[in-house]
């Protein structure tokens, strides 16, 4: 008795294509989640937190202005807008994205210093979005399979 199987090469090609598409779907899901982290980090800074009014010197040296410094443990309140403008999303490799800021004081705000307490803006955004990671990957995978 002889059994002939046909279509195995076509099936292998289709499975290979599906694997490539699934890799893209995973990347898409991670990207969507990273965008959510970036968006929520920006919103946390732009939503004014209660705090203490402080006087700051203007950068051009022409006097001072009032700023509401957020309380320790809350996201920093925006002042110049530089931190918000610097928050970026950078693709490192497939399904690997970096969200953050290249401003030196971004880390000082996030973690605090020996003189000031932390005013985290990135870690809370990550925590808020981490549960969406699998959901976003599954959604992208489902769209790929359809």
Protein backbone atom coordinates (compact mmCIF):
# COMPACT_ATOMS: atom_id res chain seq x y z
CA UNK A 1 0.00 0.00 0.00
CA UNK A 2 1.32 3.46 -0.91
CA UNK A 3 0.10 6.81 0.35
CA UNK A 4 1.00 9.97 -1.48
CA UNK A 5 0.85 13.28 0.34
CA UNK A 6 0.64 16.36 -1.81
CA UNK A 7 0.55 20.01 -0.92
CA UNK A 8 3.11 19.73 1.85
CA UNK A 9 5.43 22.30 0.23
CA UNK A 10 2.59 24.75 -0.29
CA UNK A 11 1.50 24.24 3.31
CA UNK A 12 5.06 24.81 4.54
CA UNK A 13 5.23 28.08 2.54
CA UNK A 14 1.90 29.25 3.96
CA UNK A 15 2.96 28.41 7.51
CA UNK A 16 6.23 30.26 7.00
CA UNK A 17 4.33 33.33 5.75
CA UNK A 18 1.98 33.09 8.72
CA UNK A 19 4.97 32.97 11.07
CA UNK A 20 6.38 36.14 9.52
CA UNK A 21 2.97 37.82 9.78
CA UNK A 22 2.66 36.75 13.42
CA UNK A 23 6.04 38.33 14.17
CA UNK A 24 4.71 41.57 12.70
CA UNK A 25 1.49 41.19 14.72
CA UNK A 26 3.51 40.83 17.94
CA UNK A 27 5.53 43.91 17.01
CA UNK A 28 2.29 45.81 16.30
CA UNK A 29 0.83 44.84 19.68
CA UNK A 30 3.98 45.93 21.52
CA UNK A 31 4.06 49.20 19.55
CA UNK A 32 0.43 49.99 20.42
CA UNK A 33 1.16 49.32 24.09
CA UNK A 34 4.30 51.48 24.02
CA UNK A 35 2.28 54.29 22.44
CA UNK A 36 -0.17 53.98 25.33
CA UNK A 37 2.70 54.29 27.83
CA UNK A 38 3.99 57.40 26.05
CA UNK A 39 0.52 58.98 25.88
CA UNK A 40 -0.24 58.32 29.55
CA UNK A 41 3.17 59.62 30.66
CA UNK A 42 2.53 62.86 28.78
CA UNK A 43 -1.00 63.18 30.17
CA UNK A 44 0.22 62.63 33.74
CA UNK A 45 2.58 65.60 33.41
CA UNK A 46 0.01 67.81 31.70
CA UNK A 47 -2.70 67.12 34.32
CA UNK A 48 -1.85 69.59 37.03
CA UNK A 49 -1.25 67.94 40.40
CA UNK A 50 -1.80 69.78 43.65
CA UNK A 51 1.36 70.97 45.28
CA UNK A 52 3.30 73.91 46.55
CA UNK A 53 3.76 77.22 44.75
CA UNK A 54 7.46 77.95 44.23
CA UNK A 55 9.30 80.82 42.60
CA UNK A 56 11.57 79.94 39.70
CA UNK A 57 14.12 82.02 37.86
CA UNK A 58 13.47 82.65 34.21
CA UNK A 59 16.01 81.03 31.89
CA UNK A 60 16.82 84.34 30.24
CA UNK A 61 17.57 85.86 33.66
CA UNK A 62 14.75 88.42 33.59
CA UNK A 63 13.18 87.75 36.96
CA UNK A 64 11.09 84.98 38.46
CA UNK A 65 7.75 83.31 37.92
CA UNK A 66 5.41 81.13 39.99
CA UNK A 67 5.20 77.39 39.44
CA UNK A 68 3.12 74.77 41.25
CA UNK A 69 5.57 71.99 42.12
CA UNK A 70 3.71 68.69 42.47
CA UNK A 71 3.79 66.78 45.71
CA UNK A 72 6.29 63.98 46.17
CA UNK A 73 4.98 60.74 44.65
CA UNK A 74 2.86 62.52 42.03
CA UNK A 75 3.78 63.21 38.43
CA UNK A 76 5.60 66.51 37.95
CA UNK A 77 3.62 69.48 36.78
CA UNK A 78 4.65 70.87 33.44
CA UNK A 79 6.65 74.07 33.56
CA UNK A 80 8.43 74.79 30.30
CA UNK A 81 6.95 71.87 28.35
CA UNK A 82 10.40 70.49 27.56
CA UNK A 83 9.87 67.20 29.39
CA UNK A 84 6.60 66.49 27.60
CA UNK A 85 8.14 67.41 24.25
CA UNK A 86 11.09 65.10 24.90
CA UNK A 87 9.09 61.95 25.67
CA UNK A 88 9.70 59.70 22.71
CA UNK A 89 9.09 56.18 21.48
CA UNK A 90 12.07 54.51 19.83
CA UNK A 91 12.09 51.09 18.18
CA UNK A 92 15.12 49.14 19.37
CA UNK A 93 14.38 45.91 17.46
CA UNK A 94 11.39 43.75 16.59
CA UNK A 95 8.85 43.91 19.44
CA UNK A 96 11.25 46.01 21.51
CA UNK A 97 10.44 49.68 22.04
CA UNK A 98 11.97 52.25 24.35
CA UNK A 99 9.80 54.98 25.87
CA UNK A 100 11.49 57.79 27.74
CA UNK A 101 13.23 61.12 27.68
CA UNK A 102 16.83 62.10 27.01
CA UNK A 103 16.65 65.11 29.35
CA UNK A 104 18.94 64.68 32.37
CA UNK A 105 16.30 65.92 34.79
CA UNK A 106 13.74 63.37 33.56
CA UNK A 107 15.46 60.67 35.63
CA UNK A 108 15.81 63.03 38.60
CA UNK A 109 12.06 63.62 38.55
CA UNK A 110 11.25 59.93 38.07
CA UNK A 111 13.47 58.61 40.86
CA UNK A 112 14.14 61.65 43.03
CA UNK A 113 17.49 62.95 44.25
CA UNK A 114 19.16 63.32 47.62
CA UNK A 115 17.36 66.66 47.94
CA UNK A 116 13.94 65.99 46.40
CA UNK A 117 11.54 63.10 46.41
CA UNK A 118 10.49 61.17 43.32
CA UNK A 119 7.80 62.55 41.04
CA UNK A 120 7.30 59.50 38.82
CA UNK A 121 5.80 59.98 35.39
CA UNK A 122 7.01 56.97 33.39
CA UNK A 123 6.67 53.99 35.73
CA UNK A 124 2.99 54.70 36.54
CA UNK A 125 2.25 54.96 32.81
CA UNK A 126 3.96 51.60 32.25
CA UNK A 127 1.97 50.00 35.08
CA UNK A 128 -1.26 51.40 33.67
CA UNK A 129 -0.61 49.87 30.24
CA UNK A 130 1.16 46.59 31.02
CA UNK A 131 -2.07 44.61 31.21
CA UNK A 132 -2.95 45.78 27.69
CA UNK A 133 0.17 44.18 26.21
CA UNK A 134 -1.25 40.67 25.75
CA UNK A 135 -4.63 42.08 24.69
CA UNK A 136 -2.98 44.25 22.02
CA UNK A 137 -0.84 41.37 20.73
CA UNK A 138 -3.87 39.06 20.61
CA UNK A 139 -5.91 41.67 18.76
CA UNK A 140 -3.16 42.16 16.16
CA UNK A 141 -2.75 38.37 15.82
CA UNK A 142 -6.49 37.88 15.35
CA UNK A 143 -6.49 40.49 12.57
CA UNK A 144 -3.58 38.67 10.93
CA UNK A 145 -5.31 35.29 10.97
CA UNK A 146 -8.60 36.57 9.53
